[in-house]
Amino acid sequence: MGVAMSIVMIAVGAILRFAVSVTTPGFNLHSIGLILIILGALSLVLSIVFWSTWGGFGGGAGRGGYRR
């Protein structure tokens, strides 16, 4: 899951948590919104961590060349 999908999950969760005022008998929309916000934030942090550790294409071949 990427950064964009994480932001979409946070936005949908915030809409369900703060903007929807419908009560349903089977499940609570506010709880689902809170779960989406938490999962979106967690996946956003993980995406940022993995992007910062990724070396890019080439795997560092341009850094000093090949040593024997």
N, C-alpha and C. Protein backbone atom coordinates (compact mmCIF):
# COMPACT_ATOMS: atom_id res chain seq x y z
N MET A 1 0.85 -1.16 0.00
CA MET A 1 0.00 0.00 0.00
C MET A 1 0.90 1.23 0.00
N GLY A 2 0.58 2.17 -0.82
CA GLY A 2 1.43 3.35 -0.94
C GLY A 2 0.96 4.52 -0.11
N VAL A 3 1.67 5.61 -0.31
CA VAL A 3 1.37 6.83 0.44
C VAL A 3 -0.01 7.37 0.06
N ALA A 4 -0.33 7.33 -1.21
CA ALA A 4 -1.62 7.87 -1.66
C ALA A 4 -2.79 7.08 -1.08
N MET A 5 -2.69 5.76 -1.06
CA MET A 5 -3.76 4.95 -0.50
C MET A 5 -3.89 5.16 1.00
N SER A 6 -2.79 5.39 1.67
CA SER A 6 -2.82 5.67 3.11
C SER A 6 -3.56 6.98 3.39
N ILE A 7 -3.28 7.98 2.58
CA ILE A 7 -3.96 9.27 2.76
C ILE A 7 -5.44 9.15 2.46
N VAL A 8 -5.81 8.35 1.46
CA VAL A 8 -7.22 8.13 1.14
C VAL A 8 -7.91 7.42 2.31
N MET A 9 -7.23 6.43 2.91
CA MET A 9 -7.82 5.73 4.06
C MET A 9 -8.03 6.68 5.24
N ILE A 10 -7.06 7.56 5.48
CA ILE A 10 -7.20 8.53 6.57
C ILE A 10 -8.36 9.48 6.28
N ALA A 11 -8.48 9.92 5.04
CA ALA A 11 -9.56 10.86 4.68
C ALA A 11 -10.93 10.21 4.81
N VAL A 12 -11.08 8.98 4.31
CA VAL A 12 -12.36 8.28 4.42
C VAL A 12 -12.69 8.01 5.88
N GLY A 13 -11.69 7.62 6.65
CA GLY A 13 -11.90 7.39 8.08
C GLY A 13 -12.32 8.65 8.81
N ALA A 14 -11.71 9.77 8.45
CA ALA A 14 -12.09 11.04 9.09
C ALA A 14 -13.51 11.45 8.71
N ILE A 15 -13.89 11.20 7.48
CA ILE A 15 -15.27 11.50 7.07
C ILE A 15 -16.25 10.63 7.85
N LEU A 16 -15.96 9.34 7.97
CA LEU A 16 -16.85 8.46 8.72
C LEU A 16 -16.88 8.81 10.21
N ARG A 17 -15.75 9.23 10.74
CA ARG A 17 -15.66 9.51 12.17
C ARG A 17 -16.31 10.84 12.55
N PHE A 18 -16.06 11.88 11.76
CA PHE A 18 -16.46 13.22 12.18
C PHE A 18 -17.64 13.81 11.41
N ALA A 19 -17.90 13.37 10.17
CA ALA A 19 -18.91 14.04 9.36
C ALA A 19 -20.21 13.26 9.21
N VAL A 20 -20.19 11.97 9.46
CA VAL A 20 -21.40 11.16 9.28
C VAL A 20 -22.14 11.08 10.61
N SER A 21 -23.43 11.34 10.57
CA SER A 21 -24.23 11.31 11.79
C SER A 21 -25.37 10.30 11.70
N VAL A 22 -25.13 9.19 11.01
CA VAL A 22 -26.14 8.15 10.84
C VAL A 22 -25.88 7.05 11.88
N THR A 23 -26.93 6.58 12.50
CA THR A 23 -26.81 5.45 13.42
C THR A 23 -27.31 4.20 12.73
N THR A 24 -26.54 3.14 12.83
CA THR A 24 -26.90 1.88 12.22
C THR A 24 -27.04 0.83 13.32
N PRO A 25 -27.96 -0.10 13.18
CA PRO A 25 -28.15 -1.08 14.25
C PRO A 25 -27.08 -2.16 14.31
N GLY A 26 -26.45 -2.50 13.20
CA GLY A 26 -25.52 -3.62 13.17
C GLY A 26 -24.10 -3.28 13.53
N PHE A 27 -23.64 -2.08 13.20
CA PHE A 27 -22.25 -1.69 13.45
C PHE A 27 -22.18 -0.19 13.63
N ASN A 28 -21.07 0.26 14.18
CA ASN A 28 -20.88 1.68 14.48
C ASN A 28 -19.96 2.29 13.44
N LEU A 29 -20.47 3.24 12.66
CA LEU A 29 -19.66 3.89 11.62
C LEU A 29 -18.52 4.70 12.20
N HIS A 30 -18.70 5.26 13.39
CA HIS A 30 -17.63 6.05 14.01
C HIS A 30 -16.45 5.16 14.38
N SER A 31 -16.72 3.94 14.83
CA SER A 31 -15.64 3.02 15.15
C SER A 31 -14.88 2.59 13.88
N ILE A 32 -15.62 2.35 12.82
CA ILE A 32 -14.98 1.98 11.55
C ILE A 32 -14.13 3.14 11.05
N GLY A 33 -14.60 4.37 11.21
CA GLY A 33 -13.81 5.53 10.82
C GLY A 33 -12.53 5.64 11.62
N LEU A 34 -12.61 5.39 12.93
CA LEU A 34 -11.41 5.43 13.76
C LEU A 34 -10.42 4.34 13.38
N ILE A 35 -10.93 3.15 13.08
CA ILE A 35 -10.05 2.06 12.65
C ILE A 35 -9.36 2.42 11.34
N LEU A 36 -10.09 3.02 10.40
CA LEU A 36 -9.48 3.42 9.13
C LEU A 36 -8.43 4.50 9.32
N ILE A 37 -8.65 5.42 10.24
CA ILE A 37 -7.67 6.47 10.51
C ILE A 37 -6.39 5.85 11.08
N ILE A 38 -6.54 4.93 12.03
CA ILE A 38 -5.37 4.30 12.65
C ILE A 38 -4.61 3.45 11.63
N LEU A 39 -5.33 2.64 10.85
CA LEU A 39 -4.65 1.81 9.84
C LEU A 39 -4.00 2.66 8.75
N GLY A 40 -4.64 3.73 8.35
CA GLY A 40 -4.06 4.62 7.34
C GLY A 40 -2.80 5.29 7.85
N ALA A 41 -2.82 5.74 9.12
CA ALA A 41 -1.63 6.37 9.69
C ALA A 41 -0.49 5.38 9.83
N LEU A 42 -0.81 4.15 10.26
CA LEU A 42 0.22 3.12 10.39
C LEU A 42 0.83 2.76 9.04
N SER A 43 -0.01 2.61 8.02
CA SER A 43 0.52 2.28 6.70
C SER A 43 1.29 3.46 6.09
N LEU A 44 0.90 4.68 6.43
CA LEU A 44 1.65 5.85 5.96
C LEU A 44 3.05 5.87 6.57
N VAL A 45 3.14 5.61 7.85
CA VAL A 45 4.45 5.58 8.51
C VAL A 45 5.31 4.45 7.94
N LEU A 46 4.72 3.28 7.75
CA LEU A 46 5.49 2.16 7.17
C LEU A 46 5.93 2.46 5.74
N SER A 47 5.07 3.10 4.96
CA SER A 47 5.46 3.46 3.59
C SER A 47 6.62 4.44 3.57
N ILE A 48 6.58 5.42 4.46
CA ILE A 48 7.67 6.39 4.53
C ILE A 48 8.97 5.73 4.97
N VAL A 49 8.88 4.82 5.94
CA VAL A 49 10.09 4.12 6.40
C VAL A 49 10.68 3.27 5.28
N PHE A 50 9.83 2.52 4.57
CA PHE A 50 10.35 1.68 3.49
C PHE A 50 10.88 2.50 2.32
N TRP A 51 10.27 3.65 2.02
CA TRP A 51 10.78 4.49 0.94
C TRP A 51 12.13 5.10 1.31
N SER A 52 12.32 5.42 2.60
CA SER A 52 13.58 6.03 2.99
C SER A 52 14.72 5.02 3.02
N THR A 53 14.40 3.73 3.21
CA THR A 53 15.46 2.72 3.24
C THR A 53 15.73 2.12 1.88
N TRP A 54 14.88 2.41 0.90
CA TRP A 54 15.05 1.83 -0.42
C TRP A 54 16.18 2.54 -1.14
N GLY A 55 17.10 1.78 -1.73
CA GLY A 55 18.28 2.35 -2.36
C GLY A 55 18.06 2.87 -3.76
N GLY A 56 16.94 2.56 -4.36
CA GLY A 56 16.69 2.99 -5.73
C GLY A 56 17.21 1.96 -6.72
N PHE A 57 17.15 2.31 -7.98
CA PHE A 57 17.59 1.38 -9.02
C PHE A 57 19.11 1.34 -9.06
N GLY A 58 19.66 0.17 -9.27
CA GLY A 58 21.10 0.01 -9.35
C GLY A 58 21.72 -0.50 -8.07
N GLY A 59 21.08 -0.37 -6.95
CA GLY A 59 21.57 -0.91 -5.70
C GLY A 59 22.89 -0.33 -5.22
N GLY A 60 23.18 0.91 -5.56
CA GLY A 60 24.41 1.54 -5.08
C GLY A 60 25.60 1.29 -5.97
N ALA A 61 25.41 0.91 -7.22
CA ALA A 61 26.53 0.64 -8.12
C ALA A 61 27.31 1.92 -8.44
N GLY A 62 26.68 3.06 -8.34
CA GLY A 62 27.34 4.31 -8.66
C GLY A 62 28.14 4.89 -7.50
N ARG A 63 28.18 4.21 -6.40
CA ARG A 63 28.88 4.74 -5.22
C ARG A 63 30.24 4.07 -5.05
N GLY A 64 31.20 4.52 -5.74
CA GLY A 64 32.56 4.04 -5.57
C GLY A 64 32.95 2.90 -6.48
N GLY A 65 32.03 2.33 -7.18
CA GLY A 65 32.37 1.27 -8.11
C GLY A 65 32.56 -0.07 -7.45
N TYR A 66 33.21 -0.97 -8.17
CA TYR A 66 33.41 -2.36 -7.72
C TYR A 66 34.78 -2.49 -7.10
N ARG A 67 34.88 -3.08 -5.92
CA ARG A 67 36.16 -3.29 -5.26
C ARG A 67 36.44 -4.78 -5.13
N ARG A 68 37.72 -5.13 -5.23
CA ARG A 68 38.11 -6.53 -5.08
C ARG A 68 38.79 -6.75 -3.79
